N, C-alpha and C. Protein backbone atom coordinates (compact mmCIF):
# COMPACT_ATOMS: atom_id res chain seq x y z
N MET A 1 0.83 -1.29 0.04
CA MET A 1 -0.36 0.12 0.18
C MET A 1 1.09 1.21 -0.08
N VAL A 2 0.45 2.48 -0.41
CA VAL A 2 1.29 3.68 -0.87
C VAL A 2 0.85 4.26 0.40
N LYS A 3 2.14 4.89 1.07
CA LYS A 3 2.14 6.14 2.11
C LYS A 3 1.60 7.34 1.52
N VAL A 4 0.68 7.72 2.72
CA VAL A 4 -0.16 9.03 2.43
C VAL A 4 0.37 9.62 3.73
N LYS A 5 1.04 11.02 3.16
CA LYS A 5 1.63 11.90 3.94
C LYS A 5 0.29 13.00 4.37
N LEU A 6 -0.12 13.50 5.36
CA LEU A 6 -0.74 14.30 5.88
C LEU A 6 -0.48 15.73 6.97
N PHE A 7 -0.32 16.64 6.60
CA PHE A 7 -0.44 17.63 7.88
C PHE A 7 -1.50 18.79 8.01
N THR A 8 -1.99 18.19 9.56
CA THR A 8 -2.78 18.67 9.66
C THR A 8 -2.92 20.03 11.11
N LYS A 9 -3.54 20.21 11.60
CA LYS A 9 -3.41 20.91 12.56
C LYS A 9 -4.83 20.57 13.66
N SER A 10 -4.72 20.82 14.88
CA SER A 10 -5.24 19.79 15.61
C SER A 10 -6.80 20.32 16.15
N TYR A 11 -6.61 21.72 15.86
CA TYR A 11 -8.23 22.11 16.11
C TYR A 11 -9.14 21.70 14.27
N CYS A 12 -8.39 21.81 13.87
CA CYS A 12 -9.27 21.45 12.02
C CYS A 12 -10.01 20.64 11.66
N PRO A 13 -11.32 20.90 11.88
CA PRO A 13 -12.22 19.87 11.59
C PRO A 13 -11.98 19.11 9.98
N TYR A 14 -11.60 20.02 9.30
CA TYR A 14 -11.30 18.96 7.95
C TYR A 14 -10.32 18.08 7.55
N CYS A 15 -9.61 18.42 8.87
CA CYS A 15 -8.23 17.51 8.52
C CYS A 15 -8.79 16.44 9.70
N HIS A 16 -9.39 16.63 10.64
CA HIS A 16 -9.90 15.19 11.26
C HIS A 16 -10.84 14.72 10.05
N ARG A 17 -11.64 14.85 9.54
CA ARG A 17 -12.16 14.51 8.25
C ARG A 17 -11.90 13.74 7.10
N ALA A 18 -10.66 13.97 6.97
CA ALA A 18 -9.74 13.65 6.22
C ALA A 18 -8.87 12.36 6.44
N LEU A 19 -8.50 12.59 7.84
CA LEU A 19 -7.73 11.86 8.75
C LEU A 19 -8.67 10.41 8.84
N ASP A 20 -10.05 10.47 9.26
CA ASP A 20 -10.81 9.29 9.69
C ASP A 20 -11.14 9.08 8.22
N LEU A 21 -11.41 9.41 7.40
CA LEU A 21 -11.61 8.82 6.01
C LEU A 21 -10.33 7.74 5.16
N LEU A 22 -8.93 8.50 5.50
CA LEU A 22 -8.09 7.97 5.45
C LEU A 22 -7.45 6.46 6.36
N LYS A 23 -8.12 6.27 7.51
CA LYS A 23 -7.91 5.44 8.22
C LYS A 23 -9.02 4.22 7.91
N GLU A 24 -10.28 4.51 7.51
CA GLU A 24 -11.28 4.13 7.33
C GLU A 24 -11.32 2.92 6.39
N LEU A 25 -10.20 3.92 5.38
CA LEU A 25 -10.03 3.02 3.85
C LEU A 25 -8.48 1.98 4.56
N GLY A 26 -8.30 2.33 5.10
CA GLY A 26 -6.74 1.24 5.69
C GLY A 26 -5.73 2.11 5.29
N ALA A 27 -5.77 3.40 4.71
CA ALA A 27 -4.36 3.85 4.39
C ALA A 27 -3.13 4.11 5.59
N ASP A 28 -1.98 3.83 4.67
CA ASP A 28 -1.08 3.95 5.65
C ASP A 28 -0.79 5.21 6.03
N VAL A 29 -0.95 6.12 6.90
CA VAL A 29 -0.86 7.39 7.09
C VAL A 29 0.14 7.79 8.27
N GLU A 30 1.00 8.83 7.89
CA GLU A 30 1.73 9.89 8.32
C GLU A 30 0.92 11.02 8.42
N ASN A 31 0.32 11.25 9.49
CA ASN A 31 -0.20 12.07 10.04
C ASN A 31 1.00 13.25 10.44
N ILE A 32 1.13 14.37 10.06
CA ILE A 32 1.91 15.75 10.69
C ILE A 32 1.50 16.64 10.84
N GLU A 33 1.06 16.92 12.23
CA GLU A 33 0.71 18.57 12.71
C GLU A 33 1.22 19.55 13.30
N VAL A 34 0.56 20.67 11.98
CA VAL A 34 1.72 21.78 12.04
C VAL A 34 1.31 22.84 13.32
N ASP A 35 0.78 22.76 14.37
CA ASP A 35 -0.07 23.97 15.08
C ASP A 35 0.81 24.66 15.22
N ASN A 36 2.31 24.21 15.14
CA ASN A 36 3.21 25.12 15.73
C ASN A 36 4.43 25.66 14.70
N GLY A 37 3.95 25.15 13.29
CA GLY A 37 5.06 25.41 11.96
C GLY A 37 5.60 23.98 11.93
N ASN A 38 6.06 23.80 10.69
CA ASN A 38 6.84 22.33 10.46
C ASN A 38 7.60 23.38 8.98
N LYS A 39 8.92 22.60 9.30
CA LYS A 39 9.87 23.43 8.00
C LYS A 39 9.61 23.05 6.93
N GLU A 40 9.15 21.04 6.81
CA GLU A 40 8.84 20.17 5.59
C GLU A 40 7.36 20.79 5.09
N TRP A 41 6.57 21.55 6.15
CA TRP A 41 5.14 21.93 5.75
C TRP A 41 5.23 23.41 5.15
N GLU A 42 5.97 24.25 5.51
CA GLU A 42 6.54 25.86 4.64
C GLU A 42 7.16 25.04 3.28
N THR A 43 7.49 24.20 3.17
CA THR A 43 8.95 24.06 1.63
C THR A 43 7.98 23.59 1.17
N GLN A 44 6.22 22.51 1.53
CA GLN A 44 5.57 22.02 0.20
C GLN A 44 4.27 23.27 0.52
N LYS A 45 3.93 23.99 0.99
CA LYS A 45 3.28 25.28 0.90
C LYS A 45 4.03 26.08 -0.60
N GLU A 46 5.07 26.36 -0.20
CA GLU A 46 5.90 27.31 -0.95
C GLU A 46 5.65 26.31 -2.87
N GLU A 47 6.09 25.31 -2.72
CA GLU A 47 6.35 24.26 -3.48
C GLU A 47 4.36 24.20 -4.71
N THR A 48 3.75 23.96 -3.80
CA THR A 48 2.43 23.16 -4.21
C THR A 48 1.74 24.54 -4.41
N GLY A 49 1.75 25.32 -3.85
CA GLY A 49 1.35 27.30 -3.48
C GLY A 49 -0.29 26.57 -2.98
N HIS A 50 -0.33 25.30 -2.32
CA HIS A 50 -1.69 25.61 -1.41
C HIS A 50 -1.11 25.55 0.39
N THR A 51 -2.09 26.35 0.77
CA THR A 51 -1.45 27.40 2.12
C THR A 51 -2.34 26.70 3.10
N THR A 52 -3.10 25.97 2.88
CA THR A 52 -4.29 25.42 3.86
C THR A 52 -3.76 23.92 3.98
N VAL A 53 -4.47 23.82 5.12
CA VAL A 53 -4.47 22.26 5.72
C VAL A 53 -6.07 21.66 5.92
N PRO A 54 -6.05 20.87 5.56
CA PRO A 54 -5.29 19.39 5.12
C PRO A 54 -4.20 19.76 3.82
N MET A 55 -2.79 19.04 3.75
CA MET A 55 -2.29 19.11 2.76
C MET A 55 -2.35 17.83 2.59
N ILE A 56 -2.65 17.14 1.53
CA ILE A 56 -2.18 15.56 0.96
C ILE A 56 -2.04 15.36 0.51
N PHE A 57 -0.69 13.88 0.50
CA PHE A 57 0.56 13.78 -0.89
C PHE A 57 -0.02 12.34 -0.70
N ILE A 58 -0.34 11.71 -1.36
CA ILE A 58 -0.93 9.82 -1.42
C ILE A 58 0.50 9.48 -2.36
N GLY A 59 1.61 8.67 -1.83
CA GLY A 59 2.68 8.55 -2.31
C GLY A 59 3.59 10.07 -2.53
N ASP A 60 3.83 10.25 -3.94
CA ASP A 60 4.71 12.13 -4.24
C ASP A 60 4.21 12.61 -5.05
N LYS A 61 2.70 12.27 -5.06
CA LYS A 61 2.19 13.23 -5.60
C LYS A 61 0.71 13.81 -4.64
N PHE A 62 1.27 15.07 -4.94
CA PHE A 62 0.09 16.36 -3.96
C PHE A 62 -1.30 15.95 -4.40
N ILE A 63 -2.50 15.86 -4.02
CA ILE A 63 -3.48 15.58 -3.90
C ILE A 63 -5.00 16.93 -4.30
N GLY A 64 -3.87 17.69 -3.00
CA GLY A 64 -4.90 18.68 -2.46
C GLY A 64 -5.22 18.61 -1.36
N GLY A 65 -6.24 19.22 -0.78
CA GLY A 65 -7.05 18.81 0.70
C GLY A 65 -8.36 18.26 1.10
N SER A 66 -8.63 18.50 1.81
CA SER A 66 -10.21 17.61 2.18
C SER A 66 -11.26 18.03 0.58
N ASP A 67 -11.41 19.04 -0.04
CA ASP A 67 -12.67 18.86 -1.07
C ASP A 67 -12.01 17.88 -2.38
N GLU A 68 -10.68 17.53 -2.38
CA GLU A 68 -9.76 16.98 -3.21
C GLU A 68 -10.32 15.38 -3.04
N LEU A 69 -9.86 15.26 -1.33
CA LEU A 69 -9.97 13.82 -1.00
C LEU A 69 -11.51 13.46 -1.33
N GLN A 70 -12.58 14.44 -0.91
CA GLN A 70 -13.74 13.49 -0.56
C GLN A 70 -13.84 13.31 -2.35
N GLU A 71 -13.35 14.50 -3.37
CA GLU A 71 -14.23 14.51 -4.84
C GLU A 71 -13.63 12.96 -5.15
N LEU A 72 -12.19 12.48 -4.51
CA LEU A 72 -11.55 11.26 -5.27
C LEU A 72 -11.91 10.11 -4.64
N ASN A 73 -12.76 10.50 -3.14
CA ASN A 73 -13.27 9.38 -2.77
C ASN A 73 -14.59 8.69 -3.41
N ASN A 74 -15.45 10.12 -3.73
CA ASN A 74 -17.12 10.37 -3.84
C ASN A 74 -16.77 9.70 -5.64
N SER A 75 -15.96 9.66 -6.04
CA SER A 75 -15.39 9.17 -7.61
C SER A 75 -14.88 7.75 -7.87
N GLY A 76 -14.78 7.04 -6.70
CA GLY A 76 -13.89 5.90 -6.17
C GLY A 76 -12.95 5.37 -6.87
N LYS A 77 -11.85 6.85 -7.09
CA LYS A 77 -10.39 6.56 -7.74
C LYS A 77 -9.49 6.60 -6.38
N LEU A 78 -10.36 7.33 -5.21
CA LEU A 78 -8.77 7.13 -3.91
C LEU A 78 -8.96 5.79 -3.67
N LYS A 79 -9.35 4.88 -3.20
CA LYS A 79 -9.42 3.11 -3.06
C LYS A 79 -7.69 3.03 -3.91
N GLU A 80 -7.96 3.26 -5.51
CA GLU A 80 -7.03 2.37 -6.63
C GLU A 80 -5.85 3.18 -6.16
N MET A 81 -5.87 4.63 -5.65
CA MET A 81 -4.37 5.38 -5.63
C MET A 81 -3.82 4.71 -4.22
N LEU A 82 -5.04 4.60 -3.73
CA LEU A 82 -4.41 4.05 -2.31
C LEU A 82 -3.26 2.55 -2.11
N LYS A 83 -3.84 1.79 -3.35
CA LYS A 83 -3.16 0.17 -4.10
C LYS A 83 -1.39 0.39 -3.45
């Protein structure tokens, strides 16, 4: 199974929803809380142009945030991407 990297903030409901969905699907998730900042998150914000959390990577591919994750799940593509 491919590794998922998820940058979150502890108080963010969208982050909790994304993490719950990924865990429900059995994804191998590395959850990185960035409440107090994080150098890797700062670098990824610059590289992707995505400045909010959650910030989600499946393997090496940046997929976006909570809305994009939900779209992938609703279309059935997310399960395939997690294999």
